[in-house]
Amino acid sequence: MELFRACAIRVAVGEPSPRLMAEMTYKTVSVQKDGAAMIIVGRILLAVFLGAYAGPISMVKSTWIPTDNIQSVNGLQEVSSTFGQVIGTAGVTALLTALSGWKNVMLFLGVVAGIVTIVWFLSYKDNPERPVQLSSGGSVLAPLKEALGHKEIWLLAIGWPGTTLVWIAFTTYWPTYATEIAGMSLNAAGLAIGMIPIGSFIACLVSPTLTKIIGYDKAMICPWGILLCVFYFVGMSTSNITLLCIMFFLAGFGAFAFVPIAMSVPWKLKGISPAAIAIGITFILMIANIGGTLASVVVNALMDSVGLQRALQICCVSPLLFFITTIFLPELGRKHEEREAAMKG
């Protein structure tokens, strides 16, 4: 575990250690070369590095993107991510057929990821006008200590799993509930649940602009903790396909509307270093992934006790955690910045 933690920290602050990476890979593969254990290990590694890569990406943003444009860039990043998920979901059947099974699909995706990484390393250039200073201290843990000294990082990290838990629970288990319990056809259930990624895609496009118009970041962050509960619960209370499509579109919108804004919060904290921003975002995303990891465990445990329908209804309450924590975030939006500028002027 210490080896995994050390690798994640080094990657997050932009100082990857080839020796540590090689040692971790060797120990991981030597545990078991095939079977269920390797699937679990692979999922863990994927979660770790999906969170860890956000650190270097945030440092790239720090050196190239003005703070005023961070929300828009975060929105475009989430748009591409959501679009990739939609394309991946739609194309996985064709890949399975073309490559003759999951193992070959995973190997193919790994090769593609490797090629993209190589292209990135060969093409990326640092911004000489805004070089990134990793840390004011000498220790590699200094940015972690600095990041965790800001309550905003903790509030987002603690609350975020509440939204990921219900999102994963519904996208994974609601189709089963709809077809086996609610009596819906497979096509109708697919149409309804397919509204979630569409809503997410649109949310990432428009939420940065809406936030700038409103002028308050918190207005695009904490209310979704309550609204998501309503949207998902209504989705569990009706089998009307029109209403379901509307509710799941809104749920998808709400699940991602706050993401570009919330992920911009670390950049707006006073006196925080780029390295601490990177670590803070990595910390938030890694904790957020806990919600997705726990979704199957929670739903399965509840199913054994109260059944699938009641289990999903209970999961509808989880976004309240996000509301409860983010309500304590300070306002850092446009109008706050204008007030501060006026006071200084």
Protein backbone atom coordinates (compact mmCIF):
# COMPACT_ATOMS: atom_id res chain seq x y z
CA MET A 1 0.00 0.00 0.00
CA GLU A 2 2.89 2.37 0.79
CA LEU A 3 4.30 1.67 -2.67
CA PHE A 4 0.96 2.55 -4.32
CA ARG A 5 0.71 5.75 -2.25
CA ALA A 6 4.26 6.82 -3.09
CA CYS A 7 3.66 6.27 -6.83
CA ALA A 8 0.39 8.22 -6.77
CA ILE A 9 1.98 11.19 -4.99
CA ARG A 10 4.98 11.31 -7.31
CA VAL A 11 2.74 11.18 -10.40
CA ALA A 12 0.37 13.83 -9.01
CA VAL A 13 3.13 16.39 -8.44
CA GLY A 14 4.63 15.77 -11.86
CA GLU A 15 7.67 13.83 -10.62
CA PRO A 16 7.00 10.21 -11.64
CA SER A 17 9.61 7.69 -10.55
CA PRO A 18 10.34 5.04 -13.21
CA ARG A 19 11.88 2.81 -10.53
CA LEU A 20 8.79 2.97 -8.30
CA MET A 21 6.47 2.43 -11.28
CA ALA A 22 8.44 -0.60 -12.43
CA GLU A 23 8.56 -2.07 -8.94
CA MET A 24 4.82 -1.61 -8.43
CA THR A 25 4.01 -3.14 -11.82
CA TYR A 26 6.24 -6.14 -11.13
CA LYS A 27 4.73 -6.78 -7.70
CA THR A 28 1.20 -6.38 -9.06
CA VAL A 29 1.66 -8.78 -11.96
CA SER A 30 3.53 -11.32 -9.86
CA VAL A 31 0.60 -11.63 -7.44
CA GLN A 32 -1.45 -13.55 -9.98
CA LYS A 33 -1.17 -13.60 -13.73
CA ASP A 34 -4.79 -14.31 -14.52
CA GLY A 35 -8.21 -14.79 -12.99
CA ALA A 36 -10.52 -12.67 -10.86
CA ALA A 37 -7.70 -11.29 -8.69
CA MET A 38 -6.08 -9.60 -11.68
CA ILE A 39 -9.42 -8.06 -12.67
CA ILE A 40 -9.73 -6.55 -9.20
CA VAL A 41 -6.10 -5.40 -9.22
CA GLY A 42 -6.63 -3.86 -12.65
CA ARG A 43 -9.68 -1.95 -11.47
CA ILE A 44 -7.75 -0.65 -8.45
CA LEU A 45 -4.82 0.44 -10.62
CA LEU A 46 -7.19 2.11 -13.07
CA ALA A 47 -8.89 4.06 -10.28
CA VAL A 48 -5.54 5.10 -8.78
CA PHE A 49 -4.05 6.37 -12.01
CA LEU A 50 -7.26 7.97 -13.27
CA GLY A 51 -7.13 10.07 -10.14
CA ALA A 52 -3.37 10.55 -10.22
CA TYR A 53 -3.23 11.78 -13.82
CA ALA A 54 -5.49 14.68 -12.88
CA GLY A 55 -2.55 16.16 -10.97
CA PRO A 56 -0.21 16.65 -13.95
CA ILE A 57 -3.16 17.79 -16.09
CA SER A 58 -4.00 20.49 -13.55
CA MET A 59 -0.37 21.66 -13.59
CA VAL A 60 -0.54 21.95 -17.37
CA LYS A 61 -3.62 24.12 -16.93
CA SER A 62 -1.83 26.22 -14.32
CA THR A 63 0.98 27.05 -16.72
CA TRP A 64 -1.10 27.65 -19.87
CA ILE A 65 -4.63 28.69 -18.81
CA PRO A 66 -5.51 31.99 -17.07
CA THR A 67 -7.55 31.45 -13.91
CA ASP A 68 -10.51 33.34 -15.41
CA ASN A 69 -10.78 30.67 -18.13
CA ILE A 70 -10.34 27.60 -15.94
CA GLN A 71 -14.07 26.90 -15.63
CA SER A 72 -14.56 26.94 -19.40
CA VAL A 73 -11.55 24.69 -19.97
CA ASN A 74 -12.77 22.29 -17.27
CA GLY A 75 -16.14 22.24 -19.00
CA LEU A 76 -14.58 21.35 -22.35
CA GLN A 77 -12.50 18.66 -20.68
CA GLU A 78 -15.60 17.10 -19.12
CA VAL A 79 -17.44 17.39 -22.46
CA SER A 80 -14.75 15.33 -24.16
CA SER A 81 -14.76 12.84 -21.29
CA THR A 82 -18.55 12.43 -21.39
CA PHE A 83 -18.52 12.19 -25.18
CA GLY A 84 -15.87 9.50 -24.93
CA GLN A 85 -18.04 7.55 -22.50
CA VAL A 86 -20.99 7.74 -24.87
CA ILE A 87 -18.89 6.63 -27.84
CA GLY A 88 -17.27 3.89 -25.78
CA THR A 89 -20.61 2.54 -24.60
CA ALA A 90 -22.03 2.61 -28.12
CA GLY A 91 -18.94 1.05 -29.69
CA VAL A 92 -18.05 -1.64 -27.17
CA THR A 93 -20.22 -4.26 -28.87
CA ALA A 94 -18.50 -3.69 -32.19
CA LEU A 95 -15.09 -3.89 -30.50
CA LEU A 96 -16.01 -7.14 -28.77
CA THR A 97 -17.06 -8.64 -32.10
CA ALA A 98 -14.04 -7.36 -34.00
CA LEU A 99 -11.46 -8.33 -31.35
CA SER A 100 -13.05 -11.60 -30.18
CA GLY A 101 -13.52 -10.97 -26.49
CA TRP A 102 -12.91 -8.71 -23.53
CA LYS A 103 -9.25 -9.59 -23.07
CA ASN A 104 -8.34 -8.39 -26.56
CA VAL A 105 -10.50 -5.28 -26.10
CA MET A 106 -8.63 -4.39 -22.90
CA LEU A 107 -5.26 -5.00 -24.56
CA PHE A 108 -6.30 -2.85 -27.51
CA LEU A 109 -7.42 0.00 -25.26
CA GLY A 110 -4.16 -0.26 -23.34
CA VAL A 111 -2.18 0.04 -26.57
CA VAL A 112 -4.24 3.07 -27.64
CA ALA A 113 -3.66 4.71 -24.25
CA GLY A 114 0.06 4.04 -24.59
CA ILE A 115 0.19 5.60 -28.05
CA VAL A 116 -1.69 8.68 -26.84
CA THR A 117 0.74 9.00 -23.93
CA ILE A 118 3.75 8.82 -26.25
CA VAL A 119 2.25 11.44 -28.57
CA TRP A 120 1.61 13.68 -25.57
CA PHE A 121 5.19 13.43 -24.31
CA LEU A 122 6.60 14.12 -27.76
CA SER A 123 4.35 17.08 -28.54
CA TYR A 124 3.86 18.87 -25.19
CA LYS A 125 5.96 21.94 -24.43
CA ASP A 126 6.17 23.90 -21.19
CA ASN A 127 5.16 27.53 -21.16
CA PRO A 128 8.43 29.48 -20.66
CA GLU A 129 6.50 32.59 -19.58
CA ARG A 130 4.71 30.81 -16.72
CA PRO A 131 6.95 28.03 -15.39
CA VAL A 132 5.35 25.89 -12.71
CA GLN A 133 7.03 25.82 -9.31
CA LEU A 134 6.28 22.43 -7.81
CA SER A 135 6.59 23.45 -4.19
CA SER A 136 8.14 26.01 -1.91
CA GLY A 137 9.37 23.19 0.33
CA GLY A 138 11.84 20.42 -0.31
CA SER A 139 9.65 17.45 0.60
CA VAL A 140 7.49 15.72 -1.97
CA LEU A 141 4.75 15.68 0.70
CA ALA A 142 4.79 19.47 1.09
CA PRO A 143 2.11 20.06 -1.61
CA LEU A 144 -0.10 17.41 0.02
CA LYS A 145 0.16 19.13 3.39
CA GLU A 146 -0.55 22.49 1.76
CA ALA A 147 -3.57 21.20 -0.16
CA LEU A 148 -5.12 19.46 2.85
CA GLY A 149 -4.75 22.67 4.83
CA HIS A 150 -7.63 24.17 2.81
CA LYS A 151 -11.12 23.29 4.04
CA GLU A 152 -12.52 23.67 0.51
CA ILE A 153 -10.57 20.59 -0.62
CA TRP A 154 -11.99 18.53 2.25
CA LEU A 155 -15.57 19.74 1.75
CA LEU A 156 -15.56 18.77 -1.93
CA ALA A 157 -13.80 15.46 -1.32
CA ILE A 158 -16.15 14.36 1.47
CA GLY A 159 -19.34 15.37 -0.34
CA TRP A 160 -18.56 14.23 -3.88
CA PRO A 161 -19.00 10.45 -3.27
CA GLY A 162 -22.67 11.12 -2.54
CA THR A 163 -23.24 12.05 -6.18
CA THR A 164 -21.09 9.30 -7.70
CA LEU A 165 -22.75 6.58 -5.63
CA VAL A 166 -26.27 7.27 -6.91
CA TRP A 167 -25.03 7.84 -10.48
CA ILE A 168 -23.28 4.46 -10.62
CA ALA A 169 -26.15 2.75 -8.79
CA PHE A 170 -28.73 3.96 -11.30
CA THR A 171 -26.73 3.49 -14.49
CA THR A 172 -25.86 -0.05 -13.35
CA TYR A 173 -29.00 -1.32 -11.61
CA TRP A 174 -31.95 0.80 -12.74
CA PRO A 175 -32.30 -0.98 -16.14
CA THR A 176 -32.70 -4.29 -14.25
CA TYR A 177 -35.32 -2.73 -11.99
CA ALA A 178 -37.15 -1.19 -14.97
CA THR A 179 -37.37 -4.41 -17.00
CA GLU A 180 -37.80 -7.01 -14.25
CA ILE A 181 -39.85 -5.13 -11.65
CA ALA A 182 -41.46 -2.09 -13.30
CA GLY A 183 -42.42 -4.10 -16.40
CA MET A 184 -40.83 -1.78 -18.96
CA SER A 185 -39.50 -3.01 -22.27
CA LEU A 186 -35.75 -3.14 -22.82
CA ASN A 187 -35.99 -0.45 -25.52
CA ALA A 188 -37.95 1.90 -23.25
CA ALA A 189 -35.53 1.39 -20.36
CA GLY A 190 -32.57 1.98 -22.67
CA LEU A 191 -34.12 5.18 -24.03
CA ALA A 192 -34.74 6.53 -20.53
CA ILE A 193 -31.34 5.71 -19.03
CA GLY A 194 -29.68 6.99 -22.21
CA MET A 195 -30.86 10.49 -21.30
CA ILE A 196 -28.33 10.63 -18.45
CA PRO A 197 -25.15 10.95 -20.57
CA ILE A 198 -26.93 13.35 -22.94
CA GLY A 199 -27.83 15.61 -20.03
CA SER A 200 -24.28 15.35 -18.71
CA PHE A 201 -22.81 16.31 -22.08
CA ILE A 202 -24.97 19.43 -22.34
CA ALA A 203 -24.31 20.38 -18.71
CA CYS A 204 -20.55 20.43 -19.23
CA LEU A 205 -21.02 22.69 -22.25
CA VAL A 206 -23.29 25.28 -20.69
CA SER A 207 -22.64 25.32 -16.93
CA PRO A 208 -19.45 27.48 -17.06
CA THR A 209 -21.29 30.12 -19.11
CA LEU A 210 -24.37 29.97 -16.87
CA THR A 211 -22.17 30.35 -13.80
CA LYS A 212 -20.49 33.46 -15.19
CA ILE A 213 -23.90 34.96 -15.99
CA ILE A 214 -25.23 34.19 -12.50
CA GLY A 215 -22.02 35.38 -10.86
CA TYR A 216 -22.14 32.89 -7.97
CA ASP A 217 -20.22 29.62 -8.09
CA LYS A 218 -22.12 28.07 -5.18
CA ALA A 219 -25.39 28.48 -7.08
CA MET A 220 -24.05 25.95 -9.60
CA ILE A 221 -22.59 23.61 -6.98
CA CYS A 222 -24.53 22.89 -3.80
CA PRO A 223 -28.21 23.00 -4.99
CA TRP A 224 -27.66 19.90 -7.10
CA GLY A 225 -27.26 17.88 -3.92
CA ILE A 226 -30.99 18.37 -3.30
CA LEU A 227 -32.20 18.45 -6.91
CA LEU A 228 -30.50 15.16 -7.77
CA CYS A 229 -32.37 13.46 -4.92
CA VAL A 230 -35.64 14.70 -6.42
CA PHE A 231 -34.82 13.70 -10.01
CA TYR A 232 -33.70 10.20 -9.11
CA PHE A 233 -36.57 9.60 -6.69
CA VAL A 234 -39.14 10.65 -9.31
CA GLY A 235 -37.39 8.27 -11.70
CA MET A 236 -38.11 5.50 -9.20
CA SER A 237 -41.73 6.54 -8.77
CA THR A 238 -43.02 6.41 -12.34
CA SER A 239 -42.95 4.22 -15.43
CA ASN A 240 -44.16 6.99 -17.75
CA ILE A 241 -41.49 7.05 -20.45
CA THR A 242 -41.82 10.79 -21.14
CA LEU A 243 -41.45 11.73 -17.48
CA LEU A 244 -38.60 9.26 -17.06
CA CYS A 245 -36.71 10.74 -19.99
CA ILE A 246 -37.13 14.24 -18.56
CA MET A 247 -36.07 13.21 -15.05
CA PHE A 248 -33.04 11.25 -16.20
CA PHE A 249 -31.97 14.05 -18.53
CA LEU A 250 -32.14 16.44 -15.57
CA ALA A 251 -30.31 13.91 -13.38
CA GLY A 252 -27.55 13.63 -15.96
CA PHE A 253 -27.42 17.42 -16.25
CA GLY A 254 -27.20 17.85 -12.49
CA ALA A 255 -24.61 15.11 -12.08
CA PHE A 256 -22.12 17.07 -14.21
CA ALA A 257 -23.29 20.70 -14.08
CA PHE A 258 -21.28 21.37 -10.95
CA VAL A 259 -18.17 19.45 -12.02
CA PRO A 260 -16.38 22.17 -14.08
CA ILE A 261 -17.20 24.72 -11.39
CA ALA A 262 -16.24 22.61 -8.39
CA MET A 263 -13.01 21.49 -10.05
CA SER A 264 -12.11 25.17 -10.51
CA VAL A 265 -12.30 25.92 -6.78
CA PRO A 266 -8.65 24.98 -6.00
CA TRP A 267 -7.42 27.54 -8.55
CA LYS A 268 -9.34 30.29 -6.76
CA LEU A 269 -7.87 29.65 -3.32
CA LYS A 270 -5.55 32.45 -2.23
CA GLY A 271 -1.87 31.68 -1.95
CA ILE A 272 -2.08 28.06 -3.06
CA SER A 273 0.78 26.72 -5.18
CA PRO A 274 0.28 24.91 -8.52
CA ALA A 275 1.62 21.70 -6.97
CA ALA A 276 -0.91 21.93 -4.14
CA ILE A 277 -3.68 22.54 -6.69
CA ALA A 278 -2.61 19.36 -8.47
CA ILE A 279 -2.56 17.33 -5.25
CA GLY A 280 -5.88 18.82 -4.12
CA ILE A 281 -7.66 17.87 -7.33
CA THR A 282 -6.12 14.40 -7.24
CA PHE A 283 -7.28 13.99 -3.65
CA ILE A 284 -10.82 15.10 -4.49
CA LEU A 285 -11.12 12.74 -7.45
CA MET A 286 -9.67 9.76 -5.60
CA ILE A 287 -12.12 10.22 -2.74
CA ALA A 288 -14.95 10.81 -5.23
CA ASN A 289 -14.18 7.44 -6.79
CA ILE A 290 -15.04 5.85 -3.46
CA GLY A 291 -18.69 6.59 -4.19
CA GLY A 292 -18.54 4.65 -7.43
CA THR A 293 -16.63 1.82 -5.79
CA LEU A 294 -19.15 1.56 -2.96
CA ALA A 295 -22.21 1.69 -5.22
CA SER A 296 -22.27 -2.02 -6.05
CA VAL A 297 -21.48 -3.00 -2.47
CA VAL A 298 -24.22 -0.77 -1.06
CA VAL A 299 -26.87 -1.77 -3.59
CA ASN A 300 -26.13 -5.49 -3.24
CA ALA A 301 -26.22 -5.30 0.55
CA LEU A 302 -29.51 -3.38 0.49
CA MET A 303 -30.98 -5.74 -2.12
CA ASP A 304 -30.43 -8.66 0.22
CA SER A 305 -32.32 -6.82 2.95
CA VAL A 306 -35.07 -4.79 1.30
CA GLY A 307 -35.06 -5.61 -2.44
CA LEU A 308 -33.80 -3.76 -5.50
CA GLN A 309 -36.54 -1.11 -5.65
CA ARG A 310 -36.11 0.02 -2.07
CA ALA A 311 -32.32 -0.20 -2.40
CA LEU A 312 -32.34 2.28 -5.28
CA GLN A 313 -34.77 4.53 -3.43
CA ILE A 314 -32.38 4.65 -0.48
CA CYS A 315 -29.51 5.50 -2.83
CA CYS A 316 -31.54 8.50 -4.03
CA VAL A 317 -30.74 10.18 -0.71
CA SER A 318 -26.94 9.99 -1.09
CA PRO A 319 -26.54 13.35 -2.96
CA LEU A 320 -27.66 15.09 0.25
CA LEU A 321 -24.13 14.51 1.50
CA PHE A 322 -22.87 16.74 -1.30
CA PHE A 323 -25.32 19.50 -0.36
CA ILE A 324 -24.47 19.28 3.34
CA THR A 325 -20.73 19.71 2.74
CA THR A 326 -20.71 22.19 -0.14
CA ILE A 327 -23.11 24.57 1.60
CA PHE A 328 -20.09 25.51 3.75
CA LEU A 329 -17.94 26.44 0.74
CA PRO A 330 -17.04 30.14 0.56
CA GLU A 331 -18.34 32.06 -2.44
CA LEU A 332 -15.55 32.45 -5.00
CA GLY A 333 -17.53 33.43 -8.11
CA ARG A 334 -17.46 36.43 -10.42
CA LYS A 335 -19.45 38.76 -8.16
CA HIS A 336 -17.21 37.90 -5.21
CA GLU A 337 -14.16 38.78 -7.31
CA GLU A 338 -15.80 42.04 -8.41
CA ARG A 339 -16.52 43.00 -4.79
CA GLU A 340 -12.93 42.29 -3.79
CA ALA A 341 -11.62 44.34 -6.72
CA ALA A 342 -13.93 47.24 -5.79
CA MET A 343 -12.74 47.15 -2.16
CA LYS A 344 -9.11 47.23 -3.25
CA GLY A 345 -9.85 50.04 -5.70
